[in-house]
Structures are given as structure tokens and as C-alpha cells.
């Protein structure tokens, strides 16, 4: 399914709603550029996010169709929600590993092109 047809399906499903309503907002530029990186603060933020991901996964377990349910791309797939939560958790643990190895130490420089 192309992006354009996916947007059309979403629009038809959400008649009268703004397409961006309820979607995760676009990230903002960091307010920390040029400041010293704080490992402890960043790791705490990651661990807090992981706890929230676990809470969301538990919320899904209380739904009628849980993560053990498959589905299709056109009808939705509860298992896909769980897979993406798991991927987000893994990405946070990978980021924590990079922090612990000193990859982000020093002054924060976003190095934008």
C-alpha cells in the first residue's frame, strides 16, 4: 500500500478529524546544545521511558485483543503494537549502552548537515 493510499484510508476512517490529531508530535530541537552531557540524567530518562513502555504493554494485556492476536495491515494488528513497544525498549537499552561506553560524553553538538 502506498503512502498516499494509506493516508486516504486513514482520512476515510477519521472523517471530520484532523489527520495529525492524536499522533505522536514531531520532535523538537534540543535545548541542551552546547551544554555538557549528563550521563546520569540521560540514563534516568531512558529508564523512566522503559518503565512507561512496560506500563503500556500491561495496558495492552488488558485489552480484548491482546498482543498474542495477529491481524493484517489493513485491519490492524495488536501484535504489531507489542513488537513496536519491544523495539522501542531495545533501542533505549542500546542507547543506554552507548551512554555507558562514553559515546555521548562531552559538549552536546547535534552536528546538523
PDB file of N, CA and C in Angstrom:
ATOM      1  N   UNK A   1       0.853  -1.171   0.000  1.00  0.00           N
ATOM      2  CA  UNK A   1       0.000   0.000   0.000  1.00  0.00           C
ATOM      3  C   UNK A   1       0.899   1.234   0.000  1.00  0.00           C
ATOM      4  N   UNK A   2       0.649   2.134  -0.882  1.00  0.00           N
ATOM      5  CA  UNK A   2       1.460   3.339  -0.958  1.00  0.00           C
ATOM      6  C   UNK A   2       1.101   4.296   0.172  1.00  0.00           C
ATOM      7  N   UNK A   3       1.997   5.227   0.439  1.00  0.00           N
ATOM      8  CA  UNK A   3       1.772   6.227   1.484  1.00  0.00           C
ATOM      9  C   UNK A   3       0.498   7.009   1.191  1.00  0.00           C
ATOM     10  N   UNK A   4       0.326   7.374  -0.075  1.00  0.00           N
ATOM     11  CA  UNK A   4      -0.840   8.175  -0.462  1.00  0.00           C
ATOM     12  C   UNK A   4      -2.139   7.415  -0.193  1.00  0.00           C
ATOM     13  N   UNK A   5      -2.181   6.123  -0.533  1.00  0.00           N
ATOM     14  CA  UNK A   5      -3.401   5.351  -0.298  1.00  0.00           C
ATOM     15  C   UNK A   5      -3.603   5.107   1.195  1.00  0.00           C
ATOM     16  N   UNK A   6      -2.522   4.958   1.948  1.00  0.00           N
ATOM     17  CA  UNK A   6      -2.622   4.799   3.397  1.00  0.00           C
ATOM     18  C   UNK A   6      -3.225   6.045   4.025  1.00  0.00           C
ATOM     19  N   UNK A   7      -2.778   7.205   3.600  1.00  0.00           N
ATOM     20  CA  UNK A   7      -3.323   8.465   4.108  1.00  0.00           C
ATOM     21  C   UNK A   7      -4.809   8.555   3.775  1.00  0.00           C
ATOM     22  N   UNK A   8      -5.193   8.117   2.568  1.00  0.00           N
ATOM     23  CA  UNK A   8      -6.600   8.148   2.165  1.00  0.00           C
ATOM     24  C   UNK A   8      -7.440   7.247   3.066  1.00  0.00           C
ATOM     25  N   UNK A   9      -6.939   6.052   3.368  1.00  0.00           N
ATOM     26  CA  UNK A   9      -7.656   5.125   4.245  1.00  0.00           C
ATOM     27  C   UNK A   9      -7.821   5.742   5.635  1.00  0.00           C
ATOM     28  N   UNK A  10      -6.762   6.352   6.128  1.00  0.00           N
ATOM     29  CA  UNK A  10      -6.822   6.995   7.446  1.00  0.00           C
ATOM     30  C   UNK A  10      -7.822   8.139   7.428  1.00  0.00           C
ATOM     31  N   UNK A  11      -7.798   8.940   6.378  1.00  0.00           N
ATOM     32  CA  UNK A  11      -8.741  10.059   6.273  1.00  0.00           C
ATOM     33  C   UNK A  11     -10.178   9.563   6.245  1.00  0.00           C
ATOM     34  N   UNK A  12     -10.440   8.489   5.489  1.00  0.00           N
ATOM     35  CA  UNK A  12     -11.792   7.946   5.414  1.00  0.00           C
ATOM     36  C   UNK A  12     -12.241   7.406   6.762  1.00  0.00           C
ATOM     37  N   UNK A  13     -11.318   6.803   7.494  1.00  0.00           N
ATOM     38  CA  UNK A  13     -11.626   6.253   8.808  1.00  0.00           C
ATOM     39  C   UNK A  13     -11.875   7.370   9.824  1.00  0.00           C
ATOM     40  N   UNK A  14     -11.168   8.468   9.672  1.00  0.00           N
ATOM     41  CA  UNK A  14     -11.235   9.575  10.626  1.00  0.00           C
ATOM     42  C   UNK A  14     -11.963  10.779  10.037  1.00  0.00           C
ATOM     43  N   UNK A  15     -13.063  10.545   9.361  1.00  0.00           N
ATOM     44  CA  UNK A  15     -13.820  11.623   8.736  1.00  0.00           C
ATOM     45  C   UNK A  15     -14.133  12.687   9.792  1.00  0.00           C
ATOM     46  N   UNK A  16     -13.803  13.924   9.457  1.00  0.00           N
ATOM     47  CA  UNK A  16     -14.065  15.037  10.354  1.00  0.00           C
ATOM     48  C   UNK A  16     -12.976  15.283  11.377  1.00  0.00           C
ATOM     49  N   UNK A  17     -11.960  14.435  11.424  1.00  0.00           N
ATOM     50  CA  UNK A  17     -10.865  14.632  12.369  1.00  0.00           C
ATOM     51  C   UNK A  17      -9.638  15.135  11.627  1.00  0.00           C
ATOM     52  N   UNK A  18      -8.840  15.941  12.311  1.00  0.00           N
ATOM     53  CA  UNK A  18      -7.566  16.377  11.762  1.00  0.00           C
ATOM     54  C   UNK A  18      -6.650  15.153  11.675  1.00  0.00           C
ATOM     55  N   UNK A  19      -5.983  14.943  10.542  1.00  0.00           N
ATOM     56  CA  UNK A  19      -5.146  13.759  10.322  1.00  0.00           C
ATOM     57  C   UNK A  19      -4.065  13.621  11.392  1.00  0.00           C
ATOM     58  N   UNK A  20      -3.523  14.734  11.865  1.00  0.00           N
ATOM     59  CA  UNK A  20      -2.453  14.683  12.859  1.00  0.00           C
ATOM     60  C   UNK A  20      -2.966  14.553  14.287  1.00  0.00           C
ATOM     61  N   UNK A  21      -4.271  14.646  14.469  1.00  0.00           N
ATOM     62  CA  UNK A  21      -4.844  14.573  15.805  1.00  0.00           C
ATOM     63  C   UNK A  21      -4.531  13.222  16.434  1.00  0.00           C
ATOM     64  N   UNK A  22      -3.933  13.241  17.593  1.00  0.00           N
ATOM     65  CA  UNK A  22      -3.661  12.009  18.312  1.00  0.00           C
ATOM     66  C   UNK A  22      -2.352  11.329  17.941  1.00  0.00           C
ATOM     67  N   UNK A  23      -1.644  11.815  16.946  1.00  0.00           N
ATOM     68  CA  UNK A  23      -0.374  11.203  16.576  1.00  0.00           C
ATOM     69  C   UNK A  23       0.747  11.754  17.452  1.00  0.00           C
ATOM     70  N   UNK A  24       1.798  10.989  17.601  1.00  0.00           N
ATOM     71  CA  UNK A  24       2.950  11.451  18.374  1.00  0.00           C
ATOM     72  C   UNK A  24       3.477  12.720  17.725  1.00  0.00           C
ATOM     73  N   UNK A  25       3.670  13.778  18.511  1.00  0.00           N
ATOM     74  CA  UNK A  25       4.144  15.029  17.919  1.00  0.00           C
ATOM     75  C   UNK A  25       5.577  14.900  17.389  1.00  0.00           C
ATOM     76  N   UNK A  26       5.892  15.708  16.416  1.00  0.00           N
ATOM     77  CA  UNK A  26       7.244  15.755  15.867  1.00  0.00           C
ATOM     78  C   UNK A  26       8.202  16.206  16.964  1.00  0.00           C
ATOM     79  N   UNK A  27       9.374  15.638  16.972  1.00  0.00           N
ATOM     80  CA  UNK A  27      10.357  16.017  17.992  1.00  0.00           C
ATOM     81  C   UNK A  27      10.787  17.464  17.818  1.00  0.00           C
ATOM     82  N   UNK A  28      11.217  18.052  18.922  1.00  0.00           N
ATOM     83  CA  UNK A  28      11.698  19.439  18.913  1.00  0.00           C
ATOM     84  C   UNK A  28      13.225  19.434  18.916  1.00  0.00           C
ATOM     85  N   UNK A  29      13.794  20.549  18.532  1.00  0.00           N
ATOM     86  CA  UNK A  29      15.247  20.699  18.645  1.00  0.00           C
ATOM     87  C   UNK A  29      15.622  20.658  20.117  1.00  0.00           C
ATOM     88  N   UNK A  30      16.810  20.142  20.390  1.00  0.00           N
ATOM     89  CA  UNK A  30      17.250  20.049  21.775  1.00  0.00           C
ATOM     90  C   UNK A  30      17.542  21.435  22.341  1.00  0.00           C
ATOM     91  N   UNK A  31      17.222  21.587  23.600  1.00  0.00           N
ATOM     92  CA  UNK A  31      17.544  22.835  24.297  1.00  0.00           C
ATOM     93  C   UNK A  31      18.895  22.713  25.001  1.00  0.00           C
ATOM     94  N   UNK A  32      19.561  21.566  24.831  1.00  0.00           N
ATOM     95  CA  UNK A  32      20.812  21.303  25.524  1.00  0.00           C
ATOM     96  C   UNK A  32      22.055  21.475  24.650  1.00  0.00           C
ATOM     97  N   UNK A  33      21.872  21.855  23.399  1.00  0.00           N
ATOM     98  CA  UNK A  33      23.035  22.005  22.513  1.00  0.00           C
ATOM     99  C   UNK A  33      24.025  22.994  23.112  1.00  0.00           C
ATOM    100  N   UNK A  34      25.300  22.612  23.096  1.00  0.00           N
ATOM    101  CA  UNK A  34      26.363  23.456  23.632  1.00  0.00           C
ATOM    102  C   UNK A  34      26.609  23.259  25.118  1.00  0.00           C
ATOM    103  N   UNK A  35      25.789  22.424  25.749  1.00  0.00           N
ATOM    104  CA  UNK A  35      25.951  22.149  27.182  1.00  0.00           C
ATOM    105  C   UNK A  35      26.630  20.799  27.376  1.00  0.00           C
ATOM    106  N   UNK A  36      27.169  20.586  28.549  1.00  0.00           N
ATOM    107  CA  UNK A  36      27.855  19.343  28.891  1.00  0.00           C
ATOM    108  C   UNK A  36      26.828  18.214  29.058  1.00  0.00           C
ATOM    109  N   UNK A  37      27.112  17.067  28.451  1.00  0.00           N
ATOM    110  CA  UNK A  37      26.224  15.904  28.531  1.00  0.00           C
ATOM    111  C   UNK A  37      26.243  15.336  29.945  1.00  0.00           C
ATOM    112  N   UNK A  38      25.066  15.017  30.482  1.00  0.00           N
ATOM    113  CA  UNK A  38      24.925  14.473  31.827  1.00  0.00           C
ATOM    114  C   UNK A  38      24.471  13.015  31.716  1.00  0.00           C
ATOM    115  N   UNK A  39      25.428  12.089  31.860  1.00  0.00           N
ATOM    116  CA  UNK A  39      25.131  10.652  31.724  1.00  0.00           C
ATOM    117  C   UNK A  39      24.017  10.194  32.660  1.00  0.00           C
ATOM    118  N   UNK A  40      24.159  10.552  33.930  1.00  0.00           N
ATOM    119  CA  UNK A  40      23.218  10.089  34.951  1.00  0.00           C
ATOM    120  C   UNK A  40      21.785  10.538  34.629  1.00  0.00           C
ATOM    121  N   UNK A  41      21.626  11.787  34.241  1.00  0.00           N
ATOM    122  CA  UNK A  41      20.307  12.324  33.918  1.00  0.00           C
ATOM    123  C   UNK A  41      19.711  11.612  32.702  1.00  0.00           C
ATOM    124  N   UNK A  42      20.542  11.376  31.678  1.00  0.00           N
ATOM    125  CA  UNK A  42      20.054  10.748  30.447  1.00  0.00           C
ATOM    126  C   UNK A  42      19.660   9.292  30.686  1.00  0.00           C
ATOM    127  N   UNK A  43      20.461   8.564  31.454  1.00  0.00           N
ATOM    128  CA  UNK A  43      20.146   7.165  31.756  1.00  0.00           C
ATOM    129  C   UNK A  43      18.861   7.082  32.577  1.00  0.00           C
ATOM    130  N   UNK A  44      18.677   8.001  33.521  1.00  0.00           N
ATOM    131  CA  UNK A  44      17.440   8.024  34.307  1.00  0.00           C
ATOM    132  C   UNK A  44      16.237   8.258  33.392  1.00  0.00           C
ATOM    133  N   UNK A  45      16.357   9.180  32.445  1.00  0.00           N
ATOM    134  CA  UNK A  45      15.259   9.437  31.500  1.00  0.00           C
ATOM    135  C   UNK A  45      14.940   8.187  30.683  1.00  0.00           C
ATOM    136  N   UNK A  46      15.977   7.486  30.231  1.00  0.00           N
ATOM    137  CA  UNK A  46      15.770   6.250  29.464  1.00  0.00           C
ATOM    138  C   UNK A  46      15.064   5.195  30.301  1.00  0.00           C
ATOM    139  N   UNK A  47      15.503   5.028  31.548  1.00  0.00           N
ATOM    140  CA  UNK A  47      14.884   4.028  32.425  1.00  0.00           C
ATOM    141  C   UNK A  47      13.435   4.390  32.735  1.00  0.00           C
ATOM    142  N   UNK A  48      13.153   5.679  32.886  1.00  0.00           N
ATOM    143  CA  UNK A  48      11.769   6.120  33.088  1.00  0.00           C
ATOM    144  C   UNK A  48      10.912   5.785  31.871  1.00  0.00           C
ATOM    145  N   UNK A  49      11.469   5.991  30.679  1.00  0.00           N
ATOM    146  CA  UNK A  49      10.738   5.663  29.453  1.00  0.00           C
ATOM    147  C   UNK A  49      10.482   4.163  29.361  1.00  0.00           C
ATOM    148  N   UNK A  50      11.454   3.350  29.739  1.00  0.00           N
ATOM    149  CA  UNK A  50      11.297   1.892  29.712  1.00  0.00           C
ATOM    150  C   UNK A  50      10.169   1.469  30.656  1.00  0.00           C
ATOM    151  N   UNK A  51      10.111   2.079  31.840  1.00  0.00           N
ATOM    152  CA  UNK A  51       9.019   1.764  32.781  1.00  0.00           C
ATOM    153  C   UNK A  51       7.658   2.085  32.158  1.00  0.00           C
ATOM    154  N   UNK A  52       7.581   3.199  31.453  1.00  0.00           N
ATOM    155  CA  UNK A  52       6.323   3.592  30.815  1.00  0.00           C
ATOM    156  C   UNK A  52       5.958   2.617  29.696  1.00  0.00           C
ATOM    157  N   UNK A  53       6.955   2.179  28.938  1.00  0.00           N
ATOM    158  CA  UNK A  53       6.709   1.189  27.879  1.00  0.00           C
ATOM    159  C   UNK A  53       6.137  -0.086  28.496  1.00  0.00           C
ATOM    160  N   UNK A  54       6.690  -0.508  29.648  1.00  0.00           N
ATOM    161  CA  UNK A  54       6.178  -1.698  30.327  1.00  0.00           C
ATOM    162  C   UNK A  54       4.731  -1.495  30.774  1.00  0.00           C
ATOM    163  N   UNK A  55       4.412  -0.295  31.242  1.00  0.00           N
ATOM    164  CA  UNK A  55       3.030   0.007  31.642  1.00  0.00           C
ATOM    165  C   UNK A  55       2.087  -0.074  30.446  1.00  0.00           C
ATOM    166  N   UNK A  56       2.523   0.454  29.304  1.00  0.00           N
ATOM    167  CA  UNK A  56       1.690   0.405  28.099  1.00  0.00           C
ATOM    168  C   UNK A  56       1.491  -1.047  27.661  1.00  0.00           C
ATOM    169  N   UNK A  57       2.535  -1.863  27.745  1.00  0.00           N
ATOM    170  CA  UNK A  57       2.414  -3.276  27.385  1.00  0.00           C
ATOM    171  C   UNK A  57       1.413  -3.985  28.306  1.00  0.00           C
ATOM    172  N   UNK A  58       1.430  -3.642  29.593  1.00  0.00           N
ATOM    173  CA  UNK A  58       0.463  -4.225  30.528  1.00  0.00           C
ATOM    174  C   UNK A  58      -0.953  -3.753  30.210  1.00  0.00           C
ATOM    175  N   UNK A  59      -1.079  -2.503  29.782  1.00  0.00           N
ATOM    176  CA  UNK A  59      -2.389  -1.990  29.373  1.00  0.00           C
ATOM    177  C   UNK A  59      -2.914  -2.800  28.197  1.00  0.00           C
ATOM    178  N   UNK A  60      -2.014  -3.129  27.274  1.00  0.00           N
ATOM    179  CA  UNK A  60      -2.431  -3.915  26.113  1.00  0.00           C
ATOM    180  C   UNK A  60      -2.888  -5.307  26.546  1.00  0.00           C
ATOM    181  N   UNK A  61      -2.267  -5.872  27.574  1.00  0.00           N
ATOM    182  CA  UNK A  61      -2.676  -7.191  28.075  1.00  0.00           C
ATOM    183  C   UNK A  61      -4.108  -7.185  28.609  1.00  0.00           C
ATOM    184  N   UNK A  62      -4.602  -6.008  28.987  1.00  0.00           N
ATOM    185  CA  UNK A  62      -5.968  -5.884  29.497  1.00  0.00           C
ATOM    186  C   UNK A  62      -6.988  -5.618  28.398  1.00  0.00           C
ATOM    187  N   UNK A  63      -6.517  -5.485  27.166  1.00  0.00           N
ATOM    188  CA  UNK A  63      -7.428  -5.263  26.044  1.00  0.00           C
ATOM    189  C   UNK A  63      -8.065  -6.590  25.625  1.00  0.00           C
ATOM    190  N   UNK A  64      -9.131  -6.514  24.865  1.00  0.00           N
ATOM    191  CA  UNK A  64      -9.818  -7.725  24.430  1.00  0.00           C
ATOM    192  C   UNK A  64      -8.981  -8.522  23.437  1.00  0.00           C
ATOM    193  N   UNK A  65      -8.349  -7.829  22.509  1.00  0.00           N
ATOM    194  CA  UNK A  65      -7.417  -8.473  21.588  1.00  0.00           C
ATOM    195  C   UNK A  65      -6.018  -8.072  22.033  1.00  0.00           C
ATOM    196  N   UNK A  66      -5.321  -9.019  22.630  1.00  0.00           N
ATOM    197  CA  UNK A  66      -4.002  -8.738  23.192  1.00  0.00           C
ATOM    198  C   UNK A  66      -2.917  -8.920  22.134  1.00  0.00           C
ATOM    199  N   UNK A  67      -1.682  -8.803  22.560  1.00  0.00           N
ATOM    200  CA  UNK A  67      -0.546  -8.908  21.651  1.00  0.00           C
ATOM    201  C   UNK A  67      -0.420 -10.287  21.022  1.00  0.00           C
ATOM    202  N   UNK A  68      -1.068 -11.297  21.602  1.00  0.00           N
ATOM    203  CA  UNK A  68      -0.987 -12.634  21.003  1.00  0.00           C
ATOM    204  C   UNK A  68      -1.828 -12.729  19.738  1.00  0.00           C
ATOM    205  N   UNK A  69      -2.631 -11.687  19.478  1.00  0.00           N
ATOM    206  CA  UNK A  69      -3.511 -11.674  18.314  1.00  0.00           C
ATOM    207  C   UNK A  69      -2.779 -11.141  17.096  1.00  0.00           C
ATOM    208  N   UNK A  70      -2.884 -11.831  16.007  1.00  0.00           N
ATOM    209  CA  UNK A  70      -2.345 -11.354  14.747  1.00  0.00           C
ATOM    210  C   UNK A  70      -3.351 -10.457  14.063  1.00  0.00           C
ATOM    211  N   UNK A  71      -3.108 -10.157  12.855  1.00  0.00           N
ATOM    212  CA  UNK A  71      -4.008  -9.318  12.090  1.00  0.00           C
ATOM    213  C   UNK A  71      -3.347  -8.978  10.773  1.00  0.00           C
ATOM    214  N   UNK A  72      -3.960  -8.094  10.050  1.00  0.00           N
ATOM    215  CA  UNK A  72      -3.375  -7.689   8.772  1.00  0.00           C
ATOM    216  C   UNK A  72      -3.096  -6.202   8.801  1.00  0.00           C
ATOM    217  N   UNK A  73      -2.361  -5.747   7.805  1.00  0.00           N
ATOM    218  CA  UNK A  73      -2.035  -4.325   7.757  1.00  0.00           C
ATOM    219  C   UNK A  73      -3.271  -3.473   7.495  1.00  0.00           C
ATOM    220  N   UNK A  74      -4.296  -4.052   6.879  1.00  0.00           N
ATOM    221  CA  UNK A  74      -5.496  -3.265   6.580  1.00  0.00           C
ATOM    222  C   UNK A  74      -6.496  -3.256   7.736  1.00  0.00           C
ATOM    223  N   UNK A  75      -6.433  -4.277   8.627  1.00  0.00           N
ATOM    224  CA  UNK A  75      -7.382  -4.325   9.742  1.00  0.00           C
ATOM    225  C   UNK A  75      -6.735  -4.002  11.075  1.00  0.00           C
ATOM    226  N   UNK A  76      -5.442  -3.762  11.071  1.00  0.00           N
ATOM    227  CA  UNK A  76      -4.731  -3.519  12.314  1.00  0.00           C
ATOM    228  C   UNK A  76      -4.180  -4.818  12.851  1.00  0.00           C
ATOM    229  N   UNK A  77      -3.183  -4.730  13.687  1.00  0.00           N
ATOM    230  CA  UNK A  77      -2.539  -5.927  14.196  1.00  0.00           C
ATOM    231  C   UNK A  77      -2.075  -5.664  15.627  1.00  0.00           C
ATOM    232  N   UNK A  78      -2.814  -6.165  16.627  1.00  0.00           N
ATOM    233  CA  UNK A  78      -2.416  -5.946  18.016  1.00  0.00           C
ATOM    234  C   UNK A  78      -0.994  -6.424  18.325  1.00  0.00           C
ATOM    235  N   UNK A  79      -0.549  -7.496  17.672  1.00  0.00           N
ATOM    236  CA  UNK A  79       0.801  -7.973  17.908  1.00  0.00           C
ATOM    237  C   UNK A  79       1.840  -6.963  17.441  1.00  0.00           C
ATOM    238  N   UNK A  80       1.521  -6.216  16.383  1.00  0.00           N
ATOM    239  CA  UNK A  80       2.444  -5.206  15.853  1.00  0.00           C
ATOM    240  C   UNK A  80       2.673  -4.096  16.884  1.00  0.00           C
ATOM    241  N   UNK A  81       1.640  -3.780  17.656  1.00  0.00           N
ATOM    242  CA  UNK A  81       1.791  -2.776  18.721  1.00  0.00           C
ATOM    243  C   UNK A  81       2.842  -3.262  19.706  1.00  0.00           C
ATOM    244  N   UNK A  82       2.717  -4.517  20.152  1.00  0.00           N
ATOM    245  CA  UNK A  82       3.679  -5.073  21.095  1.00  0.00           C
ATOM    246  C   UNK A  82       5.089  -5.113  20.491  1.00  0.00           C
ATOM    247  N   UNK A  83       5.196  -5.522  19.216  1.00  0.00           N
ATOM    248  CA  UNK A  83       6.505  -5.572  18.562  1.00  0.00           C
ATOM    249  C   UNK A  83       7.177  -4.203  18.563  1.00  0.00           C
ATOM    250  N   UNK A  84       6.408  -3.157  18.301  1.00  0.00           N
ATOM    251  CA  UNK A  84       6.986  -1.814  18.278  1.00  0.00           C
ATOM    252  C   UNK A  84       7.347  -1.325  19.679  1.00  0.00           C
ATOM    253  N   UNK A  85       6.586  -1.709  20.685  1.00  0.00           N
ATOM    254  CA  UNK A  85       6.963  -1.391  22.066  1.00  0.00           C
ATOM    255  C   UNK A  85       8.277  -2.083  22.421  1.00  0.00           C
ATOM    256  N   UNK A  86       8.387  -3.357  22.014  1.00  0.00           N
ATOM    257  CA  UNK A  86       9.617  -4.105  22.258  1.00  0.00           C
ATOM    258  C   UNK A  86      10.804  -3.453  21.542  1.00  0.00           C
ATOM    259  N   UNK A  87      10.595  -3.005  20.295  1.00  0.00           N
ATOM    260  CA  UNK A  87      11.661  -2.345  19.542  1.00  0.00           C
ATOM    261  C   UNK A  87      12.088  -1.038  20.221  1.00  0.00           C
ATOM    262  N   UNK A  88      11.114  -0.294  20.746  1.00  0.00           N
ATOM    263  CA  UNK A  88      11.432   0.952  21.442  1.00  0.00           C
ATOM    264  C   UNK A  88      12.240   0.654  22.705  1.00  0.00           C
ATOM    265  N   UNK A  89      11.857  -0.390  23.417  1.00  0.00           N
ATOM    266  CA  UNK A  89      12.599  -0.783  24.621  1.00  0.00           C
ATOM    267  C   UNK A  89      14.038  -1.162  24.265  1.00  0.00           C
ATOM    268  N   UNK A  90      14.204  -1.958  23.221  1.00  0.00           N
ATOM    269  CA  UNK A  90      15.552  -2.356  22.791  1.00  0.00           C
ATOM    270  C   UNK A  90      16.395  -1.145  22.393  1.00  0.00           C
ATOM    271  N   UNK A  91      15.784  -0.200  21.681  1.00  0.00           N
ATOM    272  CA  UNK A  91      16.503   0.996  21.261  1.00  0.00           C
ATOM    273  C   UNK A  91      16.973   1.796  22.478  1.00  0.00           C
ATOM    274  N   UNK A  92      16.141   1.865  23.502  1.00  0.00           N
ATOM    275  CA  UNK A  92      16.540   2.580  24.718  1.00  0.00           C
ATOM    276  C   UNK A  92      17.692   1.869  25.422  1.00  0.00           C
ATOM    277  N   UNK A  93      17.634   0.529  25.491  1.00  0.00           N
ATOM    278  CA  UNK A  93      18.753  -0.205  26.103  1.00  0.00           C
ATOM    279  C   UNK A  93      20.035  -0.040  25.276  1.00  0.00           C
ATOM    280  N   UNK A  94      19.917  -0.007  23.958  1.00  0.00           N
ATOM    281  CA  UNK A  94      21.089   0.232  23.104  1.00  0.00           C
ATOM    282  C   UNK A  94      21.665   1.617  23.373  1.00  0.00           C
ATOM    283  N   UNK A  95      20.786   2.610  23.509  1.00  0.00           N
ATOM    284  CA  UNK A  95      21.216   3.985  23.787  1.00  0.00           C
ATOM    285  C   UNK A  95      21.912   4.056  25.149  1.00  0.00           C
ATOM    286  N   UNK A  96      21.338   3.377  26.169  1.00  0.00           N
ATOM    287  CA  UNK A  96      21.981   3.348  27.489  1.00  0.00           C
ATOM    288  C   UNK A  96      23.379   2.753  27.373  1.00  0.00           C
ATOM    289  N   UNK A  97      23.520   1.680  26.578  1.00  0.00           N
ATOM    290  CA  UNK A  97      24.845   1.078  26.381  1.00  0.00           C
ATOM    291  C   UNK A  97      25.831   2.060  25.772  1.00  0.00           C
ATOM    292  N   UNK A  98      25.376   2.836  24.786  1.00  0.00           N
ATOM    293  CA  UNK A  98      26.227   3.843  24.177  1.00  0.00           C
ATOM    294  C   UNK A  98      26.629   4.921  25.162  1.00  0.00           C
ATOM    295  N   UNK A  99      25.694   5.308  26.006  1.00  0.00           N
ATOM    296  CA  UNK A  99      25.989   6.307  27.038  1.00  0.00           C
ATOM    297  C   UNK A  99      27.043   5.763  27.997  1.00  0.00           C
ATOM    298  N   UNK A 100      26.833   4.522  28.457  1.00  0.00           N
ATOM    299  CA  UNK A 100      27.767   3.914  29.410  1.00  0.00           C
ATOM    300  C   UNK A 100      29.154   3.720  28.820  1.00  0.00           C
ATOM    301  N   UNK A 101      29.245   3.537  27.502  1.00  0.00           N
ATOM    302  CA  UNK A 101      30.553   3.397  26.851  1.00  0.00           C
ATOM    303  C   UNK A 101      31.186   4.755  26.539  1.00  0.00           C
ATOM    304  N   UNK A 102      30.514   5.855  26.901  1.00  0.00           N
ATOM    305  CA  UNK A 102      31.088   7.191  26.730  1.00  0.00           C
ATOM    306  C   UNK A 102      30.893   7.796  25.357  1.00  0.00           C
ATOM    307  N   UNK A 103      30.034   7.199  24.540  1.00  0.00           N
ATOM    308  CA  UNK A 103      29.846   7.682  23.174  1.00  0.00           C
ATOM    309  C   UNK A 103      29.314   9.117  23.120  1.00  0.00           C
ATOM    310  N   UNK A 104      28.541   9.517  24.120  1.00  0.00           N
ATOM    311  CA  UNK A 104      27.906  10.834  24.085  1.00  0.00           C
ATOM    312  C   UNK A 104      28.558  11.850  25.025  1.00  0.00           C
ATOM    313  N   UNK A 105      29.667  11.475  25.681  1.00  0.00           N
ATOM    314  CA  UNK A 105      30.316  12.376  26.618  1.00  0.00           C
ATOM    315  C   UNK A 105      30.814  13.647  25.939  1.00  0.00           C
ATOM    316  N   UNK A 106      30.894  14.715  26.715  1.00  0.00           N
ATOM    317  CA  UNK A 106      31.397  15.991  26.207  1.00  0.00           C
ATOM    318  C   UNK A 106      30.273  16.976  26.013  1.00  0.00           C
ATOM    319  N   UNK A 107      30.565  17.985  25.204  1.00  0.00           N
ATOM    320  CA  UNK A 107      29.585  19.028  24.914  1.00  0.00           C
ATOM    321  C   UNK A 107      28.625  18.509  23.851  1.00  0.00           C
ATOM    322  N   UNK A 108      27.350  18.775  24.034  1.00  0.00           N
ATOM    323  CA  UNK A 108      26.330  18.299  23.107  1.00  0.00           C
ATOM    324  C   UNK A 108      26.410  19.104  21.822  1.00  0.00           C
ATOM    325  N   UNK A 109      26.659  18.388  20.722  1.00  0.00           N
ATOM    326  CA  UNK A 109      26.750  19.007  19.399  1.00  0.00           C
ATOM    327  C   UNK A 109      25.922  18.142  18.453  1.00  0.00           C
ATOM    328  N   UNK A 110      24.827  18.691  17.969  1.00  0.00           N
ATOM    329  CA  UNK A 110      23.911  17.924  17.126  1.00  0.00           C
ATOM    330  C   UNK A 110      24.466  17.652  15.746  1.00  0.00           C
ATOM    331  N   UNK A 111      25.519  18.345  15.346  1.00  0.00           N
ATOM    332  CA  UNK A 111      26.187  18.108  14.073  1.00  0.00           C
ATOM    333  C   UNK A 111      25.194  17.991  12.919  1.00  0.00           C
ATOM    334  N   UNK A 112      24.360  19.004  12.796  1.00  0.00           N
ATOM    335  CA  UNK A 112      23.352  19.018  11.719  1.00  0.00           C
ATOM    336  C   UNK A 112      23.994  19.345  10.377  1.00  0.00           C
ATOM    337  N   UNK A 113      23.499  18.715   9.332  1.00  0.00           N
ATOM    338  CA  UNK A 113      24.020  18.987   7.987  1.00  0.00           C
ATOM    339  C   UNK A 113      23.354  20.204   7.395  1.00  0.00           C
TER     340      UNK A 113
END
